[in-house]
Amino acid sequence: TRAKRPAPESPTAPLSSASLLSPPAKRAKPEPSSSNKVENAL
């Protein structure tokens, strides 16, 4: 079957403005390196 995706922190937890503006979650991918994280943030 497909790999387990991380569960949300809390189904009732308030959502931040960043999460509301973020694109829909996609299939789990290998954890990117720290340099890639910086590139994705910019």
Full PDB file with SEQRES, HELIX, SHEET, SSBOND, CRYST1, ORIGX, SCALE, CONECT and MASTER records, all heavy atoms in Angstrom:
SEQRES   1 A   42  THR ARG ALA LYS ARG PRO ALA PRO GLU SER PRO THR ALA          
SEQRES   2 A   42  PRO LEU SER SER ALA SER LEU LEU SER PRO PRO ALA LYS          
SEQRES   3 A   42  ARG ALA LYS PRO GLU PRO SER SER SER ASN LYS VAL GLU          
SEQRES   4 A   42  ASN ALA LEU                                                  
HELIX    1 AA1 SER A   17  LEU A   21  1                                   5    
HELIX    2 AA2 SER A   34  ALA A   41  1                                   8    
CRYST1    1.000    1.000    1.000  90.00  90.00  90.00 P 1           1          
ORIGX1      1.000000  0.000000  0.000000        0.00000                         
ORIGX2      0.000000  1.000000  0.000000        0.00000                         
ORIGX3      0.000000  0.000000  1.000000        0.00000                         
SCALE1      1.000000  0.000000  0.000000        0.00000                         
SCALE2      0.000000  1.000000  0.000000        0.00000                         
SCALE3      0.000000  0.000000  1.000000        0.00000                         
ATOM      1  N   THR A   1       0.844  -1.194   0.000  1.00  0.00           N  
ATOM      2  CA  THR A   1       0.000   0.000   0.000  1.00  0.00           C  
ATOM      3  C   THR A   1       0.877   1.240   0.000  1.00  0.00           C  
ATOM      4  O   THR A   1       2.094   1.160   0.101  1.00  0.00           O  
ATOM      5  CB  THR A   1      -0.903  -0.003   1.238  1.00  0.00           C  
ATOM      6  OG1 THR A   1      -0.087  -0.057   2.392  1.00  0.00           O  
ATOM      7  CG2 THR A   1      -1.847  -1.181   1.214  1.00  0.00           C  
ATOM      8  N   ARG A   2       0.235   2.382  -0.063  1.00  0.00           N  
ATOM      9  CA  ARG A   2       0.976   3.630  -0.110  1.00  0.00           C  
ATOM     10  C   ARG A   2       1.587   3.962   1.234  1.00  0.00           C  
ATOM     11  O   ARG A   2       1.116   3.527   2.272  1.00  0.00           O  
ATOM     12  CB  ARG A   2       0.048   4.765  -0.550  1.00  0.00           C  
ATOM     13  CG  ARG A   2      -0.454   4.582  -1.965  1.00  0.00           C  
ATOM     14  CD  ARG A   2      -1.429   5.658  -2.361  1.00  0.00           C  
ATOM     15  NE  ARG A   2      -0.877   6.964  -2.043  1.00  0.00           N  
ATOM     16  CZ  ARG A   2      -1.601   7.936  -1.529  1.00  0.00           C  
ATOM     17  NH1 ARG A   2      -2.868   7.738  -1.273  1.00  0.00           N  
ATOM     18  NH2 ARG A   2      -1.052   9.091  -1.257  1.00  0.00           N  
ATOM     19  N   ALA A   3       2.641   4.759   1.206  1.00  0.00           N  
ATOM     20  CA  ALA A   3       3.347   5.119   2.436  1.00  0.00           C  
ATOM     21  C   ALA A   3       2.461   5.962   3.332  1.00  0.00           C  
ATOM     22  O   ALA A   3       1.562   6.669   2.879  1.00  0.00           O  
ATOM     23  CB  ALA A   3       4.613   5.899   2.098  1.00  0.00           C  
ATOM     24  N   LYS A   4       2.710   5.808   4.618  1.00  0.00           N  
ATOM     25  CA  LYS A   4       1.938   6.541   5.607  1.00  0.00           C  
ATOM     26  C   LYS A   4       2.263   8.027   5.535  1.00  0.00           C  
ATOM     27  O   LYS A   4       3.422   8.419   5.495  1.00  0.00           O  
ATOM     28  CB  LYS A   4       2.276   6.005   6.998  1.00  0.00           C  
ATOM     29  CG  LYS A   4       1.515   6.701   8.126  1.00  0.00           C  
ATOM     30  CD  LYS A   4       1.924   6.115   9.452  1.00  0.00           C  
ATOM     31  CE  LYS A   4       1.202   6.802  10.599  1.00  0.00           C  
ATOM     32  NZ  LYS A   4       1.599   6.252  11.896  1.00  0.00           N  
ATOM     33  N   ARG A   5       1.233   8.842   5.494  1.00  0.00           N  
ATOM     34  CA  ARG A   5       1.451  10.274   5.481  1.00  0.00           C  
ATOM     35  C   ARG A   5       1.331  10.801   6.921  1.00  0.00           C  
ATOM     36  O   ARG A   5       0.628  10.235   7.739  1.00  0.00           O  
ATOM     37  CB  ARG A   5       0.441  10.987   4.571  1.00  0.00           C  
ATOM     38  CG  ARG A   5      -0.970  10.992   5.099  1.00  0.00           C  
ATOM     39  CD  ARG A   5      -1.890  11.706   4.127  1.00  0.00           C  
ATOM     40  NE  ARG A   5      -2.048  10.908   2.930  1.00  0.00           N  
ATOM     41  CZ  ARG A   5      -2.642  11.368   1.842  1.00  0.00           C  
ATOM     42  NH1 ARG A   5      -3.063  12.603   1.796  1.00  0.00           N  
ATOM     43  NH2 ARG A   5      -2.776  10.587   0.790  1.00  0.00           N  
ATOM     44  N   PRO A   6       2.020  11.905   7.209  1.00  0.00           N  
ATOM     45  CA  PRO A   6       1.950  12.427   8.578  1.00  0.00           C  
ATOM     46  C   PRO A   6       0.557  12.928   8.901  1.00  0.00           C  
ATOM     47  O   PRO A   6      -0.109  13.565   8.091  1.00  0.00           O  
ATOM     48  CB  PRO A   6       2.963  13.590   8.562  1.00  0.00           C  
ATOM     49  CG  PRO A   6       3.084  13.970   7.118  1.00  0.00           C  
ATOM     50  CD  PRO A   6       2.879  12.700   6.348  1.00  0.00           C  
ATOM     51  N   ALA A   7       0.109  12.612  10.099  1.00  0.00           N  
ATOM     52  CA  ALA A   7      -1.218  13.054  10.548  1.00  0.00           C  
ATOM     53  C   ALA A   7      -1.146  14.513  10.951  1.00  0.00           C  
ATOM     54  O   ALA A   7      -0.096  15.016  11.327  1.00  0.00           O  
ATOM     55  CB  ALA A   7      -1.660  12.200  11.734  1.00  0.00           C  
ATOM     56  N   PRO A   8      -2.256  15.223  10.873  1.00  0.00           N  
ATOM     57  CA  PRO A   8      -2.257  16.629  11.299  1.00  0.00           C  
ATOM     58  C   PRO A   8      -2.015  16.731  12.788  1.00  0.00           C  
ATOM     59  O   PRO A   8      -2.272  15.798  13.544  1.00  0.00           O  
ATOM     60  CB  PRO A   8      -3.663  17.100  10.922  1.00  0.00           C  
ATOM     61  CG  PRO A   8      -4.496  15.849  10.877  1.00  0.00           C  
ATOM     62  CD  PRO A   8      -3.583  14.763  10.419  1.00  0.00           C  
ATOM     63  N   GLU A   9      -1.519  17.883  13.200  1.00  0.00           N  
ATOM     64  CA  GLU A   9      -1.212  18.077  14.616  1.00  0.00           C  
ATOM     65  C   GLU A   9      -2.462  17.897  15.466  1.00  0.00           C  
ATOM     66  O   GLU A   9      -2.444  17.260  16.505  1.00  0.00           O  
ATOM     67  CB  GLU A   9      -0.632  19.478  14.818  1.00  0.00           C  
ATOM     68  CG  GLU A   9       0.708  19.648  14.122  1.00  0.00           C  
ATOM     69  CD  GLU A   9       1.236  21.054  14.305  1.00  0.00           C  
ATOM     70  OE1 GLU A   9       0.584  21.850  14.997  1.00  0.00           O  
ATOM     71  OE2 GLU A   9       2.302  21.344  13.767  1.00  0.00           O  
ATOM     72  N   SER A  10      -3.545  18.463  15.013  1.00  0.00           N  
ATOM     73  CA  SER A  10      -4.806  18.327  15.744  1.00  0.00           C  
ATOM     74  C   SER A  10      -5.931  18.713  14.810  1.00  0.00           C  
ATOM     75  O   SER A  10      -5.883  19.748  14.166  1.00  0.00           O  
ATOM     76  CB  SER A  10      -4.803  19.235  16.982  1.00  0.00           C  
ATOM     77  OG  SER A  10      -6.093  19.242  17.548  1.00  0.00           O  
ATOM     78  N   PRO A  11      -6.966  17.851  14.710  1.00  0.00           N  
ATOM     79  CA  PRO A  11      -8.048  18.192  13.786  1.00  0.00           C  
ATOM     80  C   PRO A  11      -8.801  19.444  14.187  1.00  0.00           C  
ATOM     81  O   PRO A  11      -9.456  20.061  13.373  1.00  0.00           O  
ATOM     82  CB  PRO A  11      -8.954  16.962  13.833  1.00  0.00           C  
ATOM     83  CG  PRO A  11      -8.629  16.286  15.125  1.00  0.00           C  
ATOM     84  CD  PRO A  11      -7.209  16.579  15.400  1.00  0.00           C  
ATOM     85  N   THR A  12      -8.676  19.829  15.450  1.00  0.00           N  
ATOM     86  CA  THR A  12      -9.409  21.016  15.897  1.00  0.00           C  
ATOM     87  C   THR A  12      -8.499  22.206  16.121  1.00  0.00           C  
ATOM     88  O   THR A  12      -8.949  23.255  16.548  1.00  0.00           O  
ATOM     89  CB  THR A  12     -10.140  20.708  17.220  1.00  0.00           C  
ATOM     90  OG1 THR A  12      -9.181  20.311  18.206  1.00  0.00           O  
ATOM     91  CG2 THR A  12     -11.162  19.606  17.026  1.00  0.00           C  
ATOM     92  N   ALA A  13      -7.175  22.012  15.865  1.00  0.00           N  
ATOM     93  CA  ALA A  13      -6.225  23.105  16.095  1.00  0.00           C  
ATOM     94  C   ALA A  13      -6.484  24.239  15.112  1.00  0.00           C  
ATOM     95  O   ALA A  13      -6.808  23.998  13.959  1.00  0.00           O  
ATOM     96  CB  ALA A  13      -4.785  22.602  15.930  1.00  0.00           C  
ATOM     97  N   PRO A  14      -6.351  25.491  15.543  1.00  0.00           N  
ATOM     98  CA  PRO A  14      -6.581  26.627  14.633  1.00  0.00           C  
ATOM     99  C   PRO A  14      -5.527  26.656  13.541  1.00  0.00           C  
ATOM    100  O   PRO A  14      -4.354  26.370  13.788  1.00  0.00           O  
ATOM    101  CB  PRO A  14      -6.455  27.852  15.556  1.00  0.00           C  
ATOM    102  CG  PRO A  14      -5.644  27.383  16.711  1.00  0.00           C  
ATOM    103  CD  PRO A  14      -5.987  25.940  16.904  1.00  0.00           C  
ATOM    104  N   LEU A  15      -5.944  26.983  12.337  1.00  0.00           N  
ATOM    105  CA  LEU A  15      -5.026  27.023  11.197  1.00  0.00           C  
ATOM    106  C   LEU A  15      -4.412  28.410  11.081  1.00  0.00           C  
ATOM    107  O   LEU A  15      -5.077  29.419  11.238  1.00  0.00           O  
ATOM    108  CB  LEU A  15      -5.783  26.687   9.903  1.00  0.00           C  
ATOM    109  CG  LEU A  15      -6.337  25.261   9.825  1.00  0.00           C  
ATOM    110  CD1 LEU A  15      -7.210  25.122   8.594  1.00  0.00           C  
ATOM    111  CD2 LEU A  15      -5.200  24.249   9.784  1.00  0.00           C  
ATOM    112  N   SER A  16      -3.116  28.423  10.756  1.00  0.00           N  
ATOM    113  CA  SER A  16      -2.426  29.692  10.569  1.00  0.00           C  
ATOM    114  C   SER A  16      -2.737  30.252   9.194  1.00  0.00           C  
ATOM    115  O   SER A  16      -3.199  29.538   8.310  1.00  0.00           O  
ATOM    116  CB  SER A  16      -0.910  29.498  10.709  1.00  0.00           C  
ATOM    117  OG  SER A  16      -0.435  28.673   9.668  1.00  0.00           O  
ATOM    118  N   SER A  17      -2.417  31.554   9.003  1.00  0.00           N  
ATOM    119  CA  SER A  17      -2.634  32.172   7.692  1.00  0.00           C  
ATOM    120  C   SER A  17      -1.747  31.521   6.650  1.00  0.00           C  
ATOM    121  O   SER A  17      -2.108  31.403   5.490  1.00  0.00           O  
ATOM    122  CB  SER A  17      -2.329  33.671   7.778  1.00  0.00           C  
ATOM    123  OG  SER A  17      -0.995  33.878   8.199  1.00  0.00           O  
ATOM    124  N   ALA A  18      -0.548  31.055   7.074  1.00  0.00           N  
ATOM    125  CA  ALA A  18       0.356  30.406   6.115  1.00  0.00           C  
ATOM    126  C   ALA A  18      -0.236  29.105   5.591  1.00  0.00           C  
ATOM    127  O   ALA A  18      -0.131  28.774   4.420  1.00  0.00           O  
ATOM    128  CB  ALA A  18       1.705  30.139   6.786  1.00  0.00           C  
ATOM    129  N   SER A  19      -0.902  28.342   6.505  1.00  0.00           N  
ATOM    130  CA  SER A  19      -1.477  27.070   6.066  1.00  0.00           C  
ATOM    131  C   SER A  19      -2.665  27.285   5.139  1.00  0.00           C  
ATOM    132  O   SER A  19      -2.910  26.499   4.239  1.00  0.00           O  
ATOM    133  CB  SER A  19      -1.908  26.253   7.290  1.00  0.00           C  
ATOM    134  OG  SER A  19      -2.959  26.918   7.978  1.00  0.00           O  
ATOM    135  N   LEU A  20      -3.421  28.349   5.368  1.00  0.00           N  
ATOM    136  CA  LEU A  20      -4.561  28.616   4.499  1.00  0.00           C  
ATOM    137  C   LEU A  20      -4.124  29.038   3.110  1.00  0.00           C  
ATOM    138  O   LEU A  20      -4.815  28.796   2.137  1.00  0.00           O  
ATOM    139  CB  LEU A  20      -5.419  29.735   5.117  1.00  0.00           C  
ATOM    140  CG  LEU A  20      -6.172  29.365   6.393  1.00  0.00           C  
ATOM    141  CD1 LEU A  20      -6.852  30.588   6.965  1.00  0.00           C  
ATOM    142  CD2 LEU A  20      -7.187  28.256   6.120  1.00  0.00           C  
ATOM    143  N   LEU A  21      -2.938  29.678   3.022  1.00  0.00           N  
ATOM    144  CA  LEU A  21      -2.446  30.129   1.725  1.00  0.00           C  
ATOM    145  C   LEU A  21      -1.593  29.086   1.031  1.00  0.00           C  
ATOM    146  O   LEU A  21      -1.231  29.238  -0.123  1.00  0.00           O  
ATOM    147  CB  LEU A  21      -1.610  31.409   1.896  1.00  0.00           C  
ATOM    148  CG  LEU A  21      -2.386  32.625   2.407  1.00  0.00           C  
ATOM    149  CD1 LEU A  21      -1.436  33.780   2.652  1.00  0.00           C  
ATOM    150  CD2 LEU A  21      -3.461  33.031   1.408  1.00  0.00           C  
ATOM    151  N   SER A  22      -1.221  28.010   1.741  1.00  0.00           N  
ATOM    152  CA  SER A  22      -0.346  26.991   1.166  1.00  0.00           C  
ATOM    153  C   SER A  22      -1.107  26.142   0.159  1.00  0.00           C  
ATOM    154  O   SER A  22      -2.313  25.987   0.257  1.00  0.00           O  
ATOM    155  CB  SER A  22       0.219  26.095   2.275  1.00  0.00           C  
ATOM    156  OG  SER A  22      -0.839  25.434   2.920  1.00  0.00           O  
ATOM    157  N   PRO A  23      -0.412  25.577  -0.847  1.00  0.00           N  
ATOM    158  CA  PRO A  23      -1.076  24.741  -1.844  1.00  0.00           C  
ATOM    159  C   PRO A  23      -1.518  23.417  -1.234  1.00  0.00           C  
ATOM    160  O   PRO A  23      -1.046  23.025  -0.159  1.00  0.00           O  
ATOM    161  CB  PRO A  23       0.028  24.535  -2.889  1.00  0.00           C  
ATOM    162  CG  PRO A  23       1.293  24.695  -2.132  1.00  0.00           C  
ATOM    163  CD  PRO A  23       1.020  25.709  -1.088  1.00  0.00           C  
ATOM    164  N   PRO A  24      -2.435  22.699  -1.884  1.00  0.00           N  
ATOM    165  CA  PRO A  24      -2.883  21.401  -1.356  1.00  0.00           C  
ATOM    166  C   PRO A  24      -1.723  20.446  -1.165  1.00  0.00           C  
ATOM    167  O   PRO A  24      -0.769  20.437  -1.937  1.00  0.00           O  
ATOM    168  CB  PRO A  24      -3.845  20.897  -2.450  1.00  0.00           C  
ATOM    169  CG  PRO A  24      -4.270  22.127  -3.180  1.00  0.00           C  
ATOM    170  CD  PRO A  24      -3.112  23.064  -3.119  1.00  0.00           C  
ATOM    171  N   ALA A  25      -1.819  19.609  -0.108  1.00  0.00           N  
ATOM    172  CA  ALA A  25      -0.759  18.646   0.174  1.00  0.00           C  
ATOM    173  C   ALA A  25      -0.701  17.590  -0.915  1.00  0.00           C  
ATOM    174  O   ALA A  25      -1.700  17.171  -1.466  1.00  0.00           O  
ATOM    175  CB  ALA A  25      -1.016  17.985   1.527  1.00  0.00           C  
ATOM    176  N   LYS A  26       0.516  17.184  -1.257  1.00  0.00           N  
ATOM    177  CA  LYS A  26       0.722  16.171  -2.288  1.00  0.00           C  
ATOM    178  C   LYS A  26       1.263  14.897  -1.662  1.00  0.00           C  
ATOM    179  O   LYS A  26       1.467  14.799  -0.463  1.00  0.00           O  
ATOM    180  CB  LYS A  26       1.685  16.702  -3.348  1.00  0.00           C  
ATOM    181  CG  LYS A  26       1.128  17.934  -4.077  1.00  0.00           C  
ATOM    182  CD  LYS A  26       2.072  18.374  -5.175  1.00  0.00           C  
ATOM    183  CE  LYS A  26       1.509  19.571  -5.940  1.00  0.00           C  
ATOM    184  NZ  LYS A  26       2.404  20.008  -7.007  1.00  0.00           N  
ATOM    185  N   ARG A  27       1.507  13.900  -2.512  1.00  0.00           N  
ATOM    186  CA  ARG A  27       2.040  12.626  -2.025  1.00  0.00           C  
ATOM    187  C   ARG A  27       3.376  12.839  -1.343  1.00  0.00           C  
ATOM    188  O   ARG A  27       4.165  13.701  -1.711  1.00  0.00           O  
ATOM    189  CB  ARG A  27       2.213  11.654  -3.189  1.00  0.00           C  
ATOM    190  CG  ARG A  27       0.896  11.311  -3.861  1.00  0.00           C  
ATOM    191  CD  ARG A  27       1.097  10.336  -4.984  1.00  0.00           C  
ATOM    192  NE  ARG A  27       1.625   9.075  -4.499  1.00  0.00           N  
ATOM    193  CZ  ARG A  27       1.916   8.033  -5.287  1.00  0.00           C  
ATOM    194  NH1 ARG A  27       1.700   8.124  -6.589  1.00  0.00           N  
ATOM    195  NH2 ARG A  27       2.395   6.934  -4.784  1.00  0.00           N  
ATOM    196  N   ALA A  28       3.648  11.987  -0.354  1.00  0.00           N  
ATOM    197  CA  ALA A  28       4.882  12.131   0.402  1.00  0.00           C  
ATOM    198  C   ALA A  28       6.080  11.902  -0.494  1.00  0.00           C  
ATOM    199  O   ALA A  28       6.093  11.021  -1.330  1.00  0.00           O  
ATOM    200  CB  ALA A  28       4.912  11.127   1.557  1.00  0.00           C  
ATOM    201  N   LYS A  29       7.106  12.734  -0.325  1.00  0.00           N  
ATOM    202  CA  LYS A  29       8.343  12.620  -1.094  1.00  0.00           C  
ATOM    203  C   LYS A  29       9.495  12.496  -0.131  1.00  0.00           C  
ATOM    204  O   LYS A  29       9.378  12.774   1.056  1.00  0.00           O  
ATOM    205  CB  LYS A  29       8.529  13.866  -1.963  1.00  0.00           C  
ATOM    206  CG  LYS A  29       7.461  13.991  -3.047  1.00  0.00           C  
ATOM    207  CD  LYS A  29       7.750  15.217  -3.903  1.00  0.00           C  
ATOM    208  CE  LYS A  29       6.714  15.352  -5.023  1.00  0.00           C  
ATOM    209  NZ  LYS A  29       6.977  16.539  -5.857  1.00  0.00           N  
ATOM    210  N   PRO A  30      10.666  12.058  -0.645  1.00  0.00           N  
ATOM    211  CA  PRO A  30      11.841  11.998   0.225  1.00  0.00           C  
ATOM    212  C   PRO A  30      12.117  13.351   0.840  1.00  0.00           C  
ATOM    213  O   PRO A  30      11.903  14.391   0.217  1.00  0.00           O  
ATOM    214  CB  PRO A  30      12.966  11.578  -0.744  1.00  0.00           C  
ATOM    215  CG  PRO A  30      12.260  10.919  -1.874  1.00  0.00           C  
ATOM    216  CD  PRO A  30      10.944  11.579  -1.993  1.00  0.00           C  
ATOM    217  N   GLU A  31      12.563  13.335   2.079  1.00  0.00           N  
ATOM    218  CA  GLU A  31      12.833  14.567   2.808  1.00  0.00           C  
ATOM    219  C   GLU A  31      13.900  15.371   2.090  1.00  0.00           C  
ATOM    220  O   GLU A  31      14.997  14.886   1.838  1.00  0.00           O  
ATOM    221  CB  GLU A  31      13.324  14.212   4.219  1.00  0.00           C  
ATOM    222  CG  GLU A  31      13.544  15.424   5.105  1.00  0.00           C  
ATOM    223  CD  GLU A  31      12.234  16.095   5.464  1.00  0.00           C  
ATOM    224  OE1 GLU A  31      11.178  15.436   5.354  1.00  0.00           O  
ATOM    225  OE2 GLU A  31      12.270  17.269   5.853  1.00  0.00           O  
ATOM    226  N   PRO A  32      13.611  16.614   1.677  1.00  0.00           N  
ATOM    227  CA  PRO A  32      14.615  17.399   0.966  1.00  0.00           C  
ATOM    228  C   PRO A  32      15.739  17.823   1.902  1.00  0.00           C  
ATOM    229  O   PRO A  32      15.566  17.893   3.122  1.00  0.00           O  
ATOM    230  CB  PRO A  32      13.824  18.610   0.480  1.00  0.00           C  
ATOM    231  CG  PRO A  32      12.705  18.738   1.454  1.00  0.00           C  
ATOM    232  CD  PRO A  32      12.360  17.335   1.868  1.00  0.00           C  
ATOM    233  N   SER A  33      16.881  18.124   1.288  1.00  0.00           N  
ATOM    234  CA  SER A  33      18.019  18.578   2.073  1.00  0.00           C  
ATOM    235  C   SER A  33      17.750  19.984   2.575  1.00  0.00           C  
ATOM    236  O   SER A  33      16.847  20.672   2.117  1.00  0.00           O  
ATOM    237  CB  SER A  33      19.286  18.576   1.210  1.00  0.00           C  
ATOM    238  OG  SER A  33      19.144  19.506   0.151  1.00  0.00           O  
ATOM    239  N   SER A  34      18.576  20.440   3.516  1.00  0.00           N  
ATOM    240  CA  SER A  34      18.375  21.777   4.085  1.00  0.00           C  
ATOM    241  C   SER A  34      18.532  22.856   3.040  1.00  0.00           C  
ATOM    242  O   SER A  34      17.826  23.867   3.054  1.00  0.00           O  
ATOM    243  CB  SER A  34      19.360  22.001   5.228  1.00  0.00           C  
ATOM    244  OG  SER A  34      20.699  21.871   4.756  1.00  0.00           O  
ATOM    245  N   SER A  35      19.477  22.660   2.091  1.00  0.00           N  
ATOM    246  CA  SER A  35      19.666  23.674   1.050  1.00  0.00           C  
ATOM    247  C   SER A  35      18.451  23.762   0.148  1.00  0.00           C  
ATOM    248  O   SER A  35      18.040  24.842  -0.278  1.00  0.00           O  
ATOM    249  CB  SER A  35      20.911  23.346   0.217  1.00  0.00           C  
ATOM    250  OG  SER A  35      20.754  22.083  -0.418  1.00  0.00           O  
ATOM    251  N   ASN A  36      17.827  22.585  -0.141  1.00  0.00           N  
ATOM    252  CA  ASN A  36      16.629  22.606  -0.972  1.00  0.00           C  
ATOM    253  C   ASN A  36      15.473  23.290  -0.267  1.00  0.00           C  
ATOM    254  O   ASN A  36      14.635  23.932  -0.883  1.00  0.00           O  
ATOM    255  CB  ASN A  36      16.221  21.182  -1.360  1.00  0.00           C  
ATOM    256  CG  ASN A  36      17.176  20.583  -2.368  1.00  0.00           C  
ATOM    257  OD1 ASN A  36      17.844  21.323  -3.088  1.00  0.00           O  
ATOM    258  ND2 ASN A  36      17.241  19.272  -2.421  1.00  0.00           N  
ATOM    259  N   LYS A  37      15.400  23.108   1.064  1.00  0.00           N  
ATOM    260  CA  LYS A  37      14.339  23.761   1.824  1.00  0.00           C  
ATOM    261  C   LYS A  37      14.444  25.278   1.688  1.00  0.00           C  
ATOM    262  O   LYS A  37      13.453  25.982   1.537  1.00  0.00           O  
ATOM    263  CB  LYS A  37      14.433  23.372   3.307  1.00  0.00           C  
ATOM    264  CG  LYS A  37      13.978  21.946   3.592  1.00  0.00           C  
ATOM    265  CD  LYS A  37      14.085  21.672   5.078  1.00  0.00           C  
ATOM    266  CE  LYS A  37      13.623  20.255   5.416  1.00  0.00           C  
ATOM    267  NZ  LYS A  37      13.766  19.974   6.850  1.00  0.00           N  
ATOM    268  N   VAL A  38      15.688  25.784   1.750  1.00  0.00           N  
ATOM    269  CA  VAL A  38      15.891  27.219   1.628  1.00  0.00           C  
ATOM    270  C   VAL A  38      15.461  27.696   0.251  1.00  0.00           C  
ATOM    271  O   VAL A  38      14.796  28.711   0.086  1.00  0.00           O  
ATOM    272  CB  VAL A  38      17.367  27.577   1.886  1.00  0.00           C  
ATOM    273  CG1 VAL A  38      17.612  29.053   1.601  1.00  0.00           C  
ATOM    274  CG2 VAL A  38      17.753  27.236   3.311  1.00  0.00           C  
ATOM    275  N   GLU A  39      15.830  26.922  -0.787  1.00  0.00           N  
ATOM    276  CA  GLU A  39      15.470  27.296  -2.151  1.00  0.00           C  
ATOM    277  C   GLU A  39      13.965  27.302  -2.339  1.00  0.00           C  
ATOM    278  O   GLU A  39      13.409  28.170  -3.010  1.00  0.00           O  
ATOM    279  CB  GLU A  39      16.132  26.339  -3.141  1.00  0.00           C  
ATOM    280  CG  GLU A  39      17.652  26.483  -3.183  1.00  0.00           C  
ATOM    281  CD  GLU A  39      18.281  25.463  -4.103  1.00  0.00           C  
ATOM    282  OE1 GLU A  39      17.524  24.746  -4.784  1.00  0.00           O  
ATOM    283  OE2 GLU A  39      19.511  25.377  -4.139  1.00  0.00           O  
ATOM    284  N   ASN A  40      13.281  26.300  -1.747  1.00  0.00           N  
ATOM    285  CA  ASN A  40      11.836  26.243  -1.889  1.00  0.00           C  
ATOM    286  C   ASN A  40      11.156  27.396  -1.168  1.00  0.00           C  
ATOM    287  O   ASN A  40      10.111  27.883  -1.588  1.00  0.00           O  
ATOM    288  CB  ASN A  40      11.301  24.915  -1.338  1.00  0.00           C  
ATOM    289  CG  ASN A  40      11.755  23.744  -2.191  1.00  0.00           C  
ATOM    290  OD1 ASN A  40      12.055  23.919  -3.366  1.00  0.00           O  
ATOM    291  ND2 ASN A  40      11.819  22.566  -1.596  1.00  0.00           N  
ATOM    292  N   ALA A  41      11.759  27.831  -0.052  1.00  0.00           N  
ATOM    293  CA  ALA A  41      11.165  28.928   0.704  1.00  0.00           C  
ATOM    294  C   ALA A  41      11.269  30.245  -0.058  1.00  0.00           C  
ATOM    295  O   ALA A  41      10.412  31.105   0.038  1.00  0.00           O  
ATOM    296  CB  ALA A  41      11.849  29.065   2.069  1.00  0.00           C  
ATOM    297  N   LEU A  42      12.354  30.400  -0.840  1.00  0.00           N  
ATOM    298  CA  LEU A  42      12.535  31.627  -1.608  1.00  0.00           C  
ATOM    299  C   LEU A  42      11.892  31.441  -2.973  1.00  0.00           C  
ATOM    300  O   LEU A  42      12.537  31.076  -3.933  1.00  0.00           O  
ATOM    301  CB  LEU A  42      14.035  31.939  -1.754  1.00  0.00           C  
ATOM    302  CG  LEU A  42      14.812  32.077  -0.448  1.00  0.00           C  
ATOM    303  CD1 LEU A  42      16.291  32.230  -0.725  1.00  0.00           C  
ATOM    304  CD2 LEU A  42      14.302  33.261   0.344  1.00  0.00           C  
TER     305      LEU A  42                                                      
MASTER        0    0    0    2    0    0    0    6  304    1    0    4          
END                                                                             
